[in-house]
Amino acid sequence: MNRSLLNRSPTELIAMATGRRGAAAYADAHRLVEKPGLRKLADAGSAEIREICQGMTPRAIQRLMAGVEIGLRIAERTTCPESAWRTDH
């Protein structure tokens, strides 16, 4: 794991995951941390994210959702027996 990411705030990580830079990216990421929150971000659809972050492009939303999905799969793998975890999700 890249240890430098451990010191990053959730806002910074979300901005990085979208592939966007600058103040607008951080403002949108902050809104996502505040509005749905990290736990509910996984359940948010692209329409909800777009409503919260009007400046976020569909591609940025897709990148963010892909990162969230990877995190969910890793979490599932660490809490479930390995035989229950599939790689073809």
N, C-alpha and C. Protein backbone atom coordinates (compact mmCIF):
# COMPACT_ATOMS: atom_id res chain seq x y z
N MET A 1 0.84 -1.18 0.00
CA MET A 1 0.00 0.00 0.00
C MET A 1 0.88 1.24 0.00
N ASN A 2 0.43 2.22 -0.69
CA ASN A 2 1.14 3.49 -0.72
C ASN A 2 0.91 4.19 0.61
N ARG A 3 1.92 4.21 1.45
CA ARG A 3 1.79 4.79 2.79
C ARG A 3 1.48 6.27 2.77
N SER A 4 1.84 6.97 1.72
CA SER A 4 1.54 8.40 1.68
C SER A 4 0.04 8.65 1.62
N LEU A 5 -0.74 7.69 1.16
CA LEU A 5 -2.19 7.84 1.12
C LEU A 5 -2.83 7.71 2.49
N LEU A 6 -2.16 7.06 3.42
CA LEU A 6 -2.70 6.90 4.76
C LEU A 6 -2.89 8.23 5.48
N ASN A 7 -2.08 9.20 5.12
CA ASN A 7 -2.14 10.51 5.77
C ASN A 7 -3.12 11.47 5.09
N ARG A 8 -3.78 11.02 4.05
CA ARG A 8 -4.70 11.88 3.31
C ARG A 8 -6.09 11.86 3.96
N SER A 9 -6.77 12.99 3.91
CA SER A 9 -8.14 13.06 4.42
C SER A 9 -9.09 12.39 3.43
N PRO A 10 -10.28 12.01 3.88
CA PRO A 10 -11.27 11.46 2.94
C PRO A 10 -11.56 12.42 1.79
N THR A 11 -11.60 13.71 2.07
CA THR A 11 -11.83 14.70 1.01
C THR A 11 -10.74 14.62 -0.05
N GLU A 12 -9.49 14.56 0.38
CA GLU A 12 -8.38 14.47 -0.57
C GLU A 12 -8.44 13.18 -1.38
N LEU A 13 -8.76 12.08 -0.72
CA LEU A 13 -8.83 10.79 -1.41
C LEU A 13 -9.94 10.78 -2.45
N ILE A 14 -11.08 11.35 -2.11
CA ILE A 14 -12.20 11.41 -3.06
C ILE A 14 -11.81 12.28 -4.25
N ALA A 15 -11.21 13.43 -4.00
CA ALA A 15 -10.78 14.30 -5.11
C ALA A 15 -9.78 13.57 -6.00
N MET A 16 -8.86 12.86 -5.40
CA MET A 16 -7.87 12.10 -6.17
C MET A 16 -8.54 11.01 -7.00
N ALA A 17 -9.52 10.33 -6.41
CA ALA A 17 -10.20 9.23 -7.10
C ALA A 17 -10.95 9.71 -8.34
N THR A 18 -11.43 10.95 -8.32
CA THR A 18 -12.17 11.47 -9.47
C THR A 18 -11.25 11.86 -10.62
N GLY A 19 -9.97 12.04 -10.31
CA GLY A 19 -9.03 12.46 -11.34
C GLY A 19 -9.05 13.95 -11.59
N ARG A 20 -9.79 14.67 -10.75
CA ARG A 20 -9.89 16.12 -10.90
C ARG A 20 -8.90 16.82 -9.99
N ARG A 21 -8.60 18.07 -10.30
CA ARG A 21 -7.67 18.86 -9.51
C ARG A 21 -8.28 20.22 -9.23
N GLY A 22 -7.70 20.89 -8.25
CA GLY A 22 -8.08 22.26 -7.99
C GLY A 22 -9.14 22.41 -6.92
N ALA A 23 -9.46 23.66 -6.66
CA ALA A 23 -10.39 24.00 -5.58
C ALA A 23 -11.78 23.41 -5.81
N ALA A 24 -12.25 23.39 -7.04
CA ALA A 24 -13.58 22.85 -7.32
C ALA A 24 -13.64 21.35 -7.01
N ALA A 25 -12.58 20.63 -7.32
CA ALA A 25 -12.54 19.19 -7.03
C ALA A 25 -12.61 18.94 -5.54
N TYR A 26 -11.87 19.73 -4.77
CA TYR A 26 -11.87 19.57 -3.32
C TYR A 26 -13.20 20.02 -2.71
N ALA A 27 -13.81 21.05 -3.27
CA ALA A 27 -15.12 21.51 -2.78
C ALA A 27 -16.17 20.42 -3.02
N ASP A 28 -16.17 19.82 -4.21
CA ASP A 28 -17.11 18.73 -4.50
C ASP A 28 -16.86 17.54 -3.59
N ALA A 29 -15.61 17.18 -3.41
CA ALA A 29 -15.28 16.05 -2.54
C ALA A 29 -15.73 16.31 -1.11
N HIS A 30 -15.54 17.53 -0.65
CA HIS A 30 -15.98 17.90 0.70
C HIS A 30 -17.50 17.77 0.82
N ARG A 31 -18.22 18.19 -0.20
CA ARG A 31 -19.68 18.06 -0.17
C ARG A 31 -20.09 16.60 -0.09
N LEU A 32 -19.38 15.72 -0.78
CA LEU A 32 -19.70 14.29 -0.73
C LEU A 32 -19.43 13.71 0.65
N VAL A 33 -18.37 14.17 1.30
CA VAL A 33 -18.07 13.70 2.65
C VAL A 33 -19.16 14.20 3.62
N GLU A 34 -19.63 15.42 3.41
CA GLU A 34 -20.62 16.02 4.31
C GLU A 34 -22.04 15.53 4.04
N LYS A 35 -22.45 15.48 2.77
CA LYS A 35 -23.86 15.23 2.47
C LYS A 35 -24.23 13.75 2.59
N PRO A 36 -23.78 12.88 1.68
CA PRO A 36 -24.17 11.49 1.93
C PRO A 36 -23.29 10.86 3.00
N GLY A 37 -22.07 11.33 3.12
CA GLY A 37 -21.12 10.73 4.06
C GLY A 37 -20.43 9.54 3.44
N LEU A 38 -19.33 9.15 4.03
CA LEU A 38 -18.54 8.06 3.46
C LEU A 38 -19.30 6.73 3.45
N ARG A 39 -20.01 6.44 4.50
CA ARG A 39 -20.73 5.15 4.57
C ARG A 39 -21.84 5.06 3.52
N LYS A 40 -22.48 6.17 3.22
CA LYS A 40 -23.57 6.16 2.25
C LYS A 40 -23.12 6.44 0.83
N LEU A 41 -21.87 6.81 0.66
CA LEU A 41 -21.36 7.10 -0.67
C LEU A 41 -21.46 5.87 -1.57
N ALA A 42 -21.26 4.71 -1.00
CA ALA A 42 -21.35 3.47 -1.78
C ALA A 42 -22.75 3.25 -2.33
N ASP A 43 -23.76 3.74 -1.63
CA ASP A 43 -25.14 3.55 -2.08
C ASP A 43 -25.62 4.67 -2.99
N ALA A 44 -24.87 5.74 -3.06
CA ALA A 44 -25.27 6.87 -3.90
C ALA A 44 -25.12 6.50 -5.37
N GLY A 45 -26.08 6.86 -6.14
CA GLY A 45 -26.00 6.64 -7.57
C GLY A 45 -25.37 7.83 -8.25
N SER A 46 -25.11 7.68 -9.52
CA SER A 46 -24.47 8.78 -10.25
C SER A 46 -25.35 10.02 -10.28
N ALA A 47 -26.69 9.84 -10.32
CA ALA A 47 -27.58 11.00 -10.33
C ALA A 47 -27.48 11.78 -9.02
N GLU A 48 -27.40 11.06 -7.90
CA GLU A 48 -27.28 11.74 -6.61
C GLU A 48 -25.95 12.46 -6.50
N ILE A 49 -24.89 11.82 -6.96
CA ILE A 49 -23.57 12.46 -6.92
C ILE A 49 -23.56 13.70 -7.80
N ARG A 50 -24.16 13.60 -8.98
CA ARG A 50 -24.22 14.74 -9.90
C ARG A 50 -25.03 15.89 -9.30
N GLU A 51 -26.08 15.56 -8.55
CA GLU A 51 -26.90 16.59 -7.90
C GLU A 51 -26.09 17.33 -6.83
N ILE A 52 -25.30 16.59 -6.08
CA ILE A 52 -24.49 17.18 -5.01
C ILE A 52 -23.30 17.95 -5.60
N CYS A 53 -22.72 17.39 -6.64
CA CYS A 53 -21.49 17.95 -7.24
C CYS A 53 -21.77 18.27 -8.70
N GLN A 54 -22.39 19.39 -8.95
CA GLN A 54 -22.81 19.72 -10.31
C GLN A 54 -21.66 19.92 -11.28
N GLY A 55 -20.47 20.16 -10.76
CA GLY A 55 -19.32 20.35 -11.64
C GLY A 55 -18.60 19.05 -11.99
N MET A 56 -19.05 17.95 -11.44
CA MET A 56 -18.36 16.69 -11.66
C MET A 56 -18.86 16.05 -12.97
N THR A 57 -17.93 15.69 -13.81
CA THR A 57 -18.28 15.09 -15.10
C THR A 57 -18.69 13.63 -14.91
N PRO A 58 -19.40 13.07 -15.88
CA PRO A 58 -19.76 11.65 -15.79
C PRO A 58 -18.52 10.75 -15.65
N ARG A 59 -17.44 11.12 -16.31
CA ARG A 59 -16.21 10.32 -16.22
C ARG A 59 -15.64 10.37 -14.80
N ALA A 60 -15.65 11.55 -14.17
CA ALA A 60 -15.16 11.68 -12.80
C ALA A 60 -16.03 10.87 -11.84
N ILE A 61 -17.33 10.90 -12.06
CA ILE A 61 -18.25 10.11 -11.23
C ILE A 61 -17.97 8.63 -11.40
N GLN A 62 -17.74 8.20 -12.63
CA GLN A 62 -17.45 6.80 -12.90
C GLN A 62 -16.15 6.37 -12.20
N ARG A 63 -15.14 7.22 -12.25
CA ARG A 63 -13.88 6.91 -11.56
C ARG A 63 -14.09 6.77 -10.06
N LEU A 64 -14.85 7.70 -9.49
CA LEU A 64 -15.13 7.66 -8.06
C LEU A 64 -15.89 6.39 -7.71
N MET A 65 -16.92 6.07 -8.46
CA MET A 65 -17.71 4.89 -8.17
C MET A 65 -16.90 3.60 -8.34
N ALA A 66 -15.97 3.60 -9.27
CA ALA A 66 -15.10 2.44 -9.44
C ALA A 66 -14.20 2.28 -8.21
N GLY A 67 -13.67 3.39 -7.71
CA GLY A 67 -12.83 3.33 -6.50
C GLY A 67 -13.61 2.85 -5.29
N VAL A 68 -14.84 3.33 -5.16
CA VAL A 68 -15.69 2.89 -4.06
C VAL A 68 -15.97 1.39 -4.18
N GLU A 69 -16.26 0.94 -5.38
CA GLU A 69 -16.54 -0.49 -5.59
C GLU A 69 -15.32 -1.35 -5.25
N ILE A 70 -14.15 -0.90 -5.62
CA ILE A 70 -12.94 -1.64 -5.26
C ILE A 70 -12.82 -1.74 -3.74
N GLY A 71 -13.05 -0.62 -3.06
CA GLY A 71 -12.99 -0.63 -1.60
C GLY A 71 -14.00 -1.59 -0.99
N LEU A 72 -15.21 -1.63 -1.55
CA LEU A 72 -16.22 -2.55 -1.05
C LEU A 72 -15.81 -4.00 -1.24
N ARG A 73 -15.24 -4.29 -2.38
CA ARG A 73 -14.81 -5.66 -2.64
C ARG A 73 -13.66 -6.08 -1.73
N ILE A 74 -12.76 -5.18 -1.46
CA ILE A 74 -11.67 -5.48 -0.54
C ILE A 74 -12.22 -5.71 0.85
N ALA A 75 -13.16 -4.86 1.27
CA ALA A 75 -13.77 -5.02 2.59
C ALA A 75 -14.51 -6.34 2.68
N GLU A 76 -15.22 -6.70 1.63
CA GLU A 76 -15.94 -7.97 1.59
C GLU A 76 -14.96 -9.14 1.71
N ARG A 77 -13.87 -9.01 1.05
CA ARG A 77 -12.87 -10.09 1.06
C ARG A 77 -12.27 -10.28 2.45
N THR A 78 -12.11 -9.20 3.18
CA THR A 78 -11.49 -9.30 4.50
C THR A 78 -12.49 -9.72 5.57
N THR A 79 -13.80 -9.63 5.30
CA THR A 79 -14.80 -10.01 6.30
C THR A 79 -15.49 -11.33 5.98
N CYS A 80 -15.31 -11.85 4.78
CA CYS A 80 -15.95 -13.10 4.37
C CYS A 80 -14.89 -14.17 4.17
N PRO A 81 -15.29 -15.45 4.31
CA PRO A 81 -14.34 -16.51 3.98
C PRO A 81 -13.92 -16.40 2.52
N GLU A 82 -12.69 -16.74 2.26
CA GLU A 82 -12.17 -16.58 0.89
C GLU A 82 -12.99 -17.35 -0.13
N SER A 83 -13.54 -18.49 0.26
CA SER A 83 -14.32 -19.28 -0.69
C SER A 83 -15.60 -18.57 -1.10
N ALA A 84 -16.07 -17.62 -0.29
CA ALA A 84 -17.30 -16.89 -0.61
C ALA A 84 -17.04 -15.68 -1.49
N TRP A 85 -15.78 -15.33 -1.67
CA TRP A 85 -15.46 -14.14 -2.44
C TRP A 85 -15.20 -14.50 -3.87
N ARG A 86 -15.92 -13.88 -4.78
CA ARG A 86 -15.76 -14.16 -6.20
C ARG A 86 -15.01 -13.03 -6.88
N THR A 87 -14.25 -13.36 -7.88
CA THR A 87 -13.53 -12.33 -8.62
C THR A 87 -14.30 -11.87 -9.84
N ASP A 88 -15.44 -12.49 -10.13
CA ASP A 88 -16.19 -12.13 -11.34
C ASP A 88 -17.38 -11.24 -11.04
N HIS A 89 -17.35 -10.48 -9.94
CA HIS A 89 -18.46 -9.59 -9.59
C HIS A 89 -18.77 -8.67 -10.74
